[in-house]
Amino acid sequence: MNSRRRHSPKKTSLTLRFQIDHMDPLGQGVSKLGDKAVFIAKTLPGESGVAEVTRQTKGVQFGRVQELTGPASNRVEPACVHFNRCPGCHYLHTDYESELVYKQQTLLRYLARFPAVEAHLRVYPAMSRLSYRNRIQLHYRYHYLGLIDGVSDQVVEIPHCKILHPSLTEAFQQLYSDKSWAETHKGRGHCELYLCNDEVRESWNQPYAEGGFTQVNQAMNQLLRTVVAECVEAGAGQVETLLDLFAGDGNLSAEIPVKKTQVDCVASSKHAEAGASRFVALDLFQDDALNTFRSQCPEKKFDVLLVDPPRKGFPVLDDWVKAYKPGQLVYVSCNAATMARDLESLSGRFTVEKVALIDLFPGTYHFETLVSLRFKNK
């Protein structure tokens, strides 16, 4: 690993013995020491050893493995040489079946407040655990390029990254073999490599996904679109109208053959010809977003509400449900915690029709969740 910073972090000599009880939602092993919890990355349930304490807060410690004395039976040799220090992947030290179990346990904990969720849950494994990511953001500090280690606050270089889509490999390796970019891009910043219409593009110090947001796993994104369409088609009653919030370029509703109104969450008309019946550019996080939309939209009711917000969720979801009284809600999220919060806020009575864990981000603790609800009073 090559890494540099001007001021080294303060070292700690504190170590402790650990016994991992379970995994937390961030892919860290959790060890209980009296009334304190210790979170240790790159460990698995049942493992024991010695960890260096890297950070402490009230009643909580964070550690990094110093010595593993009792490995778990499902521990495997990571497919990537960078895994032990790289913050990008979290589960390459175990088999894929175990990774899916840990993700399923996380999702069920978040949704435990809703009845019969486990009975409706279906897990959709990734088609490939490696070589899938069609977009990556790398940080640079002087001529060091990679991901930021949250413990040391240093750049971890990852020239042999295994999760990149093969189409990005040549451009990615070029950044490491020829660092002339450091003459133009001095100090600190970030670089983004991504695929757009089968063309490799490179962006420096621009907002994430400045070329337009797309899912990073193309094959699993297609599966997600199919599952969304199946949920809408399986909904009780005839579906004629659909409101697609946080629509982007209409990715999730593209295969649903009904009258659609798509609402992007940014004030831009760049997707105005996405093929929807109506396309509205609106910042959905503005306080007056709902009233603004109601003044522009001729529809007074929608059969289906499709929502795909960013990680922070959509706290005003219930206001939109009350305004348009959909018979069905399909909520897609990359953050099950905020999704559960939003669904719990719904004041109307509903039944859960389907829960799907779709593994768009294998090797990491991230995953996509889909929940389809049917409102009882519709």
Protein backbone atom coordinates (compact mmCIF):
# COMPACT_ATOMS: atom_id res chain seq x y z
CA MET A 1 0.00 0.00 0.00
CA ASN A 2 1.29 3.45 -0.90
CA SER A 3 -0.17 6.26 1.18
CA ARG A 4 0.85 9.70 2.42
CA ARG A 5 -0.40 12.58 4.46
CA ARG A 6 1.40 15.63 5.83
CA HIS A 7 0.54 14.96 9.49
CA SER A 8 0.35 11.37 10.68
CA PRO A 9 -2.64 10.49 12.88
CA LYS A 10 -2.07 10.08 16.59
CA LYS A 11 -1.14 6.47 17.26
CA THR A 12 -2.84 4.40 19.94
CA SER A 13 -1.17 1.51 21.75
CA LEU A 14 -4.41 0.19 23.21
CA THR A 15 -5.25 -3.37 22.23
CA LEU A 16 -8.00 -5.76 23.31
CA ARG A 17 -9.08 -9.35 22.88
CA PHE A 18 -12.29 -9.86 20.95
CA GLN A 19 -14.88 -12.53 20.26
CA ILE A 20 -17.21 -11.62 17.39
CA ASP A 21 -20.89 -12.17 18.14
CA HIS A 22 -22.61 -10.91 14.98
CA MET A 23 -22.30 -8.55 12.01
CA ASP A 24 -23.52 -4.96 12.06
CA PRO A 25 -25.21 -3.23 9.08
CA LEU A 26 -21.86 -1.76 7.96
CA GLY A 27 -20.21 -5.15 7.54
CA GLN A 28 -18.26 -4.96 10.81
CA GLY A 29 -18.00 -7.70 13.38
CA VAL A 30 -19.44 -6.82 16.80
CA SER A 31 -17.74 -7.95 20.00
CA LYS A 32 -19.27 -7.37 23.44
CA LEU A 33 -16.92 -6.49 26.30
CA GLY A 34 -19.00 -5.95 29.41
CA ASP A 35 -21.31 -3.04 28.69
CA LYS A 36 -19.20 -1.90 25.72
CA ALA A 37 -19.51 -2.85 22.07
CA VAL A 38 -16.43 -3.10 19.87
CA PHE A 39 -16.83 -2.86 16.09
CA ILE A 40 -14.06 -4.56 14.13
CA ALA A 41 -13.95 -4.50 10.33
CA LYS A 42 -12.89 -7.53 8.27
CA THR A 43 -14.03 -10.03 10.93
CA LEU A 44 -16.79 -12.66 11.00
CA PRO A 45 -19.14 -14.13 13.64
CA GLY A 46 -17.37 -16.65 15.86
CA GLU A 47 -13.89 -15.24 15.26
CA SER A 48 -11.51 -14.31 18.05
CA GLY A 49 -8.24 -12.49 18.27
CA VAL A 50 -6.51 -9.27 19.22
CA ALA A 51 -7.46 -5.87 17.82
CA GLU A 52 -5.88 -2.45 17.95
CA VAL A 53 -8.35 0.20 19.15
CA THR A 54 -8.49 2.91 16.48
CA ARG A 55 -11.26 5.10 17.88
CA GLN A 56 -13.37 5.43 21.01
CA THR A 57 -16.63 7.19 21.73
CA LYS A 58 -19.10 6.90 24.62
CA GLY A 59 -19.51 3.23 25.37
CA VAL A 60 -18.27 2.22 21.91
CA GLN A 61 -14.88 1.28 20.50
CA PHE A 62 -13.69 0.63 16.96
CA GLY A 63 -10.81 -1.66 16.19
CA ARG A 64 -8.64 -3.16 13.49
CA VAL A 65 -7.46 -6.76 13.57
CA GLN A 66 -3.92 -7.14 14.84
CA GLU A 67 -3.94 -10.93 15.25
CA LEU A 68 -6.61 -13.47 14.34
CA THR A 69 -6.33 -16.44 16.68
CA GLY A 70 -9.64 -18.15 15.88
CA PRO A 71 -10.81 -17.78 12.26
CA ALA A 72 -14.39 -18.63 11.29
CA SER A 73 -15.08 -21.72 9.22
CA ASN A 74 -16.56 -19.56 6.45
CA ARG A 75 -13.50 -17.31 6.14
CA VAL A 76 -11.86 -17.44 2.70
CA GLU A 77 -8.80 -15.87 1.10
CA PRO A 78 -9.93 -12.50 -0.34
CA ALA A 79 -9.97 -12.34 -4.14
CA CYS A 80 -8.35 -8.88 -4.01
CA VAL A 81 -4.87 -8.13 -2.63
CA HIS A 82 -6.06 -4.74 -1.37
CA PHE A 83 -8.94 -6.08 0.72
CA ASN A 84 -7.42 -5.98 4.21
CA ARG A 85 -6.76 -2.22 4.01
CA CYS A 86 -9.13 -1.02 1.30
CA PRO A 87 -12.39 0.54 2.62
CA GLY A 88 -14.27 -0.18 -0.60
CA CYS A 89 -15.21 -3.84 -0.01
CA HIS A 90 -16.37 -5.45 3.23
CA TYR A 91 -17.17 -9.13 2.60
CA LEU A 92 -14.49 -10.61 0.34
CA HIS A 93 -13.07 -12.52 3.33
CA THR A 94 -16.09 -14.85 3.32
CA ASP A 95 -18.05 -16.87 0.77
CA TYR A 96 -20.84 -15.22 -1.16
CA GLU A 97 -23.57 -17.32 0.45
CA SER A 98 -22.54 -16.00 3.88
CA GLU A 99 -22.46 -12.43 2.58
CA LEU A 100 -26.06 -12.76 1.45
CA VAL A 101 -27.08 -14.18 4.83
CA TYR A 102 -25.55 -11.19 6.65
CA LYS A 103 -27.31 -8.76 4.31
CA GLN A 104 -30.62 -10.55 4.75
CA GLN A 105 -30.23 -10.40 8.55
CA THR A 106 -29.57 -6.67 8.32
CA LEU A 107 -32.65 -6.06 6.19
CA LEU A 108 -34.90 -8.11 8.47
CA ARG A 109 -33.68 -6.14 11.50
CA TYR A 110 -34.61 -2.87 9.81
CA LEU A 111 -38.04 -4.18 8.79
CA ALA A 112 -38.80 -6.07 12.00
CA ARG A 113 -41.56 -3.59 12.92
CA PHE A 114 -43.63 -4.65 9.88
CA PRO A 115 -45.60 -7.93 10.10
CA ALA A 116 -44.95 -10.93 7.84
CA VAL A 117 -41.94 -9.33 6.10
CA GLU A 118 -39.80 -12.47 6.20
CA ALA A 119 -42.53 -14.50 4.53
CA HIS A 120 -42.60 -12.05 1.61
CA LEU A 121 -38.82 -11.64 1.30
CA ARG A 122 -36.97 -12.86 -1.75
CA VAL A 123 -33.20 -12.48 -2.24
CA TYR A 124 -31.81 -11.85 -5.74
CA PRO A 125 -28.09 -12.72 -5.77
CA ALA A 126 -25.64 -10.83 -7.97
CA MET A 127 -24.81 -12.41 -11.30
CA SER A 128 -21.12 -11.74 -10.66
CA ARG A 129 -19.37 -10.90 -7.39
CA LEU A 130 -16.47 -9.16 -9.19
CA SER A 131 -15.91 -7.08 -12.35
CA TYR A 132 -19.29 -5.34 -12.23
CA ARG A 133 -18.80 -1.71 -11.22
CA ASN A 134 -19.18 0.69 -14.17
CA ARG A 135 -18.41 3.84 -12.15
CA ILE A 136 -15.77 4.61 -9.55
CA GLN A 137 -14.69 7.76 -7.74
CA LEU A 138 -11.04 7.90 -6.70
CA HIS A 139 -9.49 10.47 -4.36
CA TYR A 140 -6.06 11.91 -4.94
CA ARG A 141 -3.61 13.60 -2.62
CA TYR A 142 -0.64 14.83 -4.60
CA HIS A 143 0.34 11.82 -6.74
CA TYR A 144 -1.36 9.18 -4.57
CA LEU A 145 -4.68 7.93 -5.95
CA GLY A 146 -7.25 5.58 -4.46
CA LEU A 147 -9.79 5.41 -1.64
CA ILE A 148 -9.64 7.17 1.73
CA ASP A 149 -9.05 4.95 4.77
CA GLY A 150 -11.34 6.37 7.44
CA VAL A 151 -9.04 5.17 10.24
CA SER A 152 -5.75 6.67 9.08
CA ASP A 153 -7.20 9.37 6.81
CA GLN A 154 -4.74 8.26 4.15
CA VAL A 155 -5.15 7.40 0.49
CA VAL A 156 -5.07 3.65 -0.09
CA GLU A 157 -3.91 2.95 -3.63
CA ILE A 158 -5.84 0.13 -5.33
CA PRO A 159 -4.22 -0.52 -8.75
CA HIS A 160 -5.43 -4.15 -8.76
CA CYS A 161 -9.09 -3.47 -7.84
CA LYS A 162 -11.25 -6.49 -8.70
CA ILE A 163 -14.77 -5.03 -8.79
CA LEU A 164 -14.28 -2.74 -11.81
CA HIS A 165 -16.11 -3.51 -15.03
CA PRO A 166 -13.58 -4.73 -17.64
CA SER A 167 -14.42 -1.76 -19.88
CA LEU A 168 -12.85 0.58 -17.30
CA THR A 169 -9.70 -1.45 -16.67
CA GLU A 170 -7.45 0.14 -19.30
CA ALA A 171 -8.27 3.73 -18.30
CA PHE A 172 -8.04 2.82 -14.61
CA GLN A 173 -4.60 1.24 -14.93
CA GLN A 174 -3.41 4.18 -17.01
CA LEU A 175 -4.01 6.47 -14.04
CA TYR A 176 -1.54 4.41 -12.02
CA SER A 177 1.06 3.76 -14.71
CA ASP A 178 1.24 7.38 -15.90
CA LYS A 179 0.80 9.93 -13.14
CA SER A 180 1.30 12.98 -15.32
CA TRP A 181 -2.25 13.94 -14.22
CA ALA A 182 -0.67 15.09 -10.94
CA GLU A 183 0.98 17.99 -12.78
CA THR A 184 -2.43 19.37 -13.75
CA HIS A 185 -4.41 18.29 -10.71
CA LYS A 186 -2.36 19.40 -7.75
CA GLY A 187 -3.02 19.00 -4.04
CA ARG A 188 -6.22 17.13 -3.21
CA GLY A 189 -9.34 16.23 -5.16
CA HIS A 190 -11.07 13.37 -6.87
CA CYS A 191 -11.33 11.67 -10.23
CA GLU A 192 -14.30 9.71 -11.56
CA LEU A 193 -14.20 7.02 -14.22
CA TYR A 194 -17.49 5.84 -15.65
CA LEU A 195 -19.20 4.22 -18.61
CA CYS A 196 -21.69 6.28 -20.61
CA ASN A 197 -23.27 4.75 -23.70
CA ASP A 198 -20.40 2.21 -23.82
CA GLU A 199 -17.86 5.04 -23.81
CA VAL A 200 -15.31 5.43 -21.00
CA ARG A 201 -15.31 8.94 -19.57
CA GLU A 202 -13.06 10.66 -17.08
CA SER A 203 -14.06 13.55 -14.84
CA TRP A 204 -11.94 15.54 -12.39
CA ASN A 205 -13.22 17.42 -9.34
CA GLN A 206 -16.84 17.47 -10.49
CA PRO A 207 -19.94 16.44 -8.49
CA TYR A 208 -20.51 12.70 -8.30
CA ALA A 209 -22.29 11.36 -11.40
CA GLU A 210 -21.96 14.71 -13.13
CA GLY A 211 -22.58 12.96 -16.45
CA GLY A 212 -25.97 11.76 -15.16
CA PHE A 213 -26.68 9.20 -12.44
CA THR A 214 -26.76 5.54 -13.44
CA GLN A 215 -26.72 2.37 -11.34
CA VAL A 216 -23.17 1.03 -11.02
CA ASN A 217 -24.15 -2.57 -11.81
CA GLN A 218 -25.75 -2.75 -15.24
CA ALA A 219 -26.78 -6.41 -15.16
CA MET A 220 -28.41 -6.16 -11.74
CA ASN A 221 -30.03 -2.85 -12.65
CA GLN A 222 -31.82 -4.63 -15.48
CA LEU A 223 -33.01 -7.25 -12.99
CA LEU A 224 -34.21 -4.48 -10.65
CA ARG A 225 -36.22 -2.92 -13.50
CA THR A 226 -37.81 -6.29 -14.21
CA VAL A 227 -38.77 -6.83 -10.56
CA VAL A 228 -40.33 -3.34 -10.39
CA ALA A 229 -42.38 -4.03 -13.52
CA GLU A 230 -43.52 -7.41 -12.17
CA CYS A 231 -44.65 -5.81 -8.91
CA VAL A 232 -46.76 -3.23 -10.72
CA GLU A 233 -48.26 -5.81 -13.06
CA ALA A 234 -49.06 -8.14 -10.14
CA GLY A 235 -50.87 -5.42 -8.20
CA ALA A 236 -54.56 -6.01 -7.64
CA GLY A 237 -56.78 -3.99 -9.97
CA GLN A 238 -56.08 -2.32 -13.28
CA VAL A 239 -53.12 0.07 -13.39
CA GLU A 240 -53.57 3.05 -15.68
CA THR A 241 -51.48 5.82 -14.08
CA LEU A 242 -48.14 5.80 -12.30
CA LEU A 243 -46.22 8.57 -10.55
CA ASP A 244 -42.46 7.96 -10.63
CA LEU A 245 -40.65 10.13 -8.05
CA PHE A 246 -36.85 10.55 -8.18
CA ALA A 247 -37.15 9.19 -11.70
CA GLY A 248 -33.81 10.35 -13.11
CA ASP A 249 -34.00 9.36 -16.76
CA GLY A 250 -36.95 7.05 -16.09
CA ASN A 251 -34.81 3.97 -15.47
CA LEU A 252 -37.11 2.05 -13.12
CA SER A 253 -40.40 2.67 -14.89
CA ALA A 254 -39.09 2.24 -18.43
CA GLU A 255 -40.60 -1.25 -18.83
CA ILE A 256 -44.01 -0.43 -17.33
CA PRO A 257 -46.50 0.17 -20.18
CA VAL A 258 -48.87 2.62 -18.47
CA LYS A 259 -49.44 6.35 -18.50
CA LYS A 260 -46.58 7.77 -16.46
CA THR A 261 -45.61 11.05 -14.89
CA GLN A 262 -41.93 11.13 -14.01
CA VAL A 263 -40.50 13.62 -11.58
CA ASP A 264 -36.76 14.19 -11.38
CA CYS A 265 -35.36 15.45 -8.10
CA VAL A 266 -33.14 18.10 -9.66
CA ALA A 267 -34.23 21.34 -11.29
CA SER A 268 -33.13 20.41 -14.79
CA SER A 269 -34.90 19.54 -18.01
CA LYS A 270 -32.08 17.44 -19.47
CA HIS A 271 -34.26 14.29 -19.38
CA ALA A 272 -37.36 15.98 -20.77
CA GLU A 273 -37.54 13.58 -23.72
CA ALA A 274 -37.27 10.40 -21.69
CA GLY A 275 -40.41 9.03 -23.31
CA ALA A 276 -42.73 9.48 -20.36
CA SER A 277 -46.25 10.82 -20.72
CA ARG A 278 -45.09 13.77 -18.66
CA PHE A 279 -41.72 14.74 -17.30
CA VAL A 280 -41.41 17.30 -14.53
CA ALA A 281 -38.13 18.73 -13.24
CA LEU A 282 -38.57 19.50 -9.56
CA ASP A 283 -36.43 19.49 -6.42
CA LEU A 284 -38.43 17.05 -4.32
CA PHE A 285 -36.72 18.18 -1.11
CA GLN A 286 -38.00 21.74 -1.35
CA ASP A 287 -40.62 22.59 1.26
CA ASP A 288 -43.22 23.50 -1.37
CA ALA A 289 -42.45 20.64 -3.79
CA LEU A 290 -45.81 18.89 -3.38
CA ASN A 291 -47.85 22.06 -3.83
CA THR A 292 -45.73 23.06 -6.83
CA PHE A 293 -46.28 19.69 -8.45
CA ARG A 294 -50.03 19.68 -7.76
CA SER A 295 -50.34 23.04 -9.50
CA GLN A 296 -48.59 21.65 -12.59
CA CYS A 297 -50.02 18.14 -12.76
CA PRO A 298 -53.52 17.53 -14.18
CA GLU A 299 -53.79 14.10 -12.51
CA LYS A 300 -55.65 14.15 -9.20
CA LYS A 301 -54.95 10.50 -8.38
CA PHE A 302 -52.39 7.85 -9.33
CA ASP A 303 -52.88 4.08 -9.22
CA VAL A 304 -49.21 3.45 -8.37
CA LEU A 305 -46.59 5.55 -6.60
CA LEU A 306 -43.00 4.51 -7.42
CA VAL A 307 -40.33 6.09 -5.20
CA ASP A 308 -36.54 5.72 -5.46
CA PRO A 309 -34.96 8.39 -3.22
CA PRO A 310 -31.27 8.90 -2.38
CA ARG A 311 -29.77 7.47 0.81
CA LYS A 312 -31.36 10.09 3.06
CA GLY A 313 -34.81 8.81 2.10
CA PHE A 314 -38.01 10.77 1.61
CA PRO A 315 -39.39 11.98 4.97
CA VAL A 316 -42.48 13.57 3.42
CA LEU A 317 -43.59 10.35 1.71
CA ASP A 318 -46.87 10.26 3.65
CA ASP A 319 -47.83 13.71 2.35
CA TRP A 320 -47.58 12.45 -1.25
CA VAL A 321 -49.52 9.28 -0.40
CA LYS A 322 -52.33 11.32 1.16
CA ALA A 323 -52.36 13.73 -1.78
CA TYR A 324 -52.62 11.11 -4.55
CA LYS A 325 -54.16 8.11 -2.74
CA PRO A 326 -52.37 5.37 -4.71
CA GLY A 327 -53.59 1.83 -4.40
CA GLN A 328 -49.98 0.58 -4.50
CA LEU A 329 -46.64 1.95 -3.34
CA VAL A 330 -43.37 0.54 -4.69
CA TYR A 331 -40.44 1.89 -2.70
CA VAL A 332 -36.90 1.21 -3.93
CA SER A 333 -33.97 2.16 -1.71
CA CYS A 334 -30.22 1.79 -1.28
CA ASN A 335 -30.63 2.54 2.45
CA ALA A 336 -32.96 0.18 4.27
CA ALA A 337 -32.79 2.26 7.46
CA THR A 338 -34.28 5.43 5.97
CA MET A 339 -36.72 3.37 3.92
CA ALA A 340 -38.05 1.71 7.10
CA ARG A 341 -38.39 5.14 8.74
CA ASP A 342 -40.37 6.49 5.78
CA LEU A 343 -42.67 3.48 5.58
CA GLU A 344 -43.34 3.63 9.31
CA SER A 345 -44.53 7.22 8.87
CA LEU A 346 -47.40 6.15 6.60
CA SER A 347 -50.65 6.87 8.37
CA GLY A 348 -52.83 4.71 6.10
CA ARG A 349 -53.32 0.97 6.62
CA PHE A 350 -51.37 -1.26 4.23
CA THR A 351 -50.27 -4.81 3.65
CA VAL A 352 -46.83 -5.85 2.48
CA GLU A 353 -47.05 -7.61 -0.90
CA LYS A 354 -43.37 -8.14 -1.67
CA VAL A 355 -39.94 -7.49 -0.20
CA ALA A 356 -36.87 -7.96 -2.39
CA LEU A 357 -33.18 -7.77 -1.52
CA ILE A 358 -31.44 -7.17 -4.82
CA ASP A 359 -27.66 -7.39 -4.51
CA LEU A 360 -26.45 -4.60 -6.76
CA PHE A 361 -23.27 -4.15 -4.72
CA PRO A 362 -21.68 -7.57 -4.03
CA GLY A 363 -18.61 -7.61 -1.83
CA THR A 364 -19.83 -4.55 0.07
CA TYR A 365 -22.40 -4.05 2.84
CA HIS A 366 -24.63 -2.11 0.44
CA PHE A 367 -27.67 -3.61 -1.27
CA GLU A 368 -30.88 -2.46 -2.93
CA THR A 369 -34.26 -3.08 -1.32
CA LEU A 370 -37.68 -3.07 -2.93
CA VAL A 371 -40.89 -3.07 -0.89
CA SER A 372 -44.32 -3.23 -2.53
CA LEU A 373 -47.31 -2.18 -0.39
CA ARG A 374 -51.04 -2.38 -1.01
CA PHE A 375 -53.22 0.16 0.82
CA LYS A 376 -56.19 -1.55 2.47
CA ASN A 377 -58.60 1.33 2.04
CA LYS A 378 -58.19 1.46 -1.76
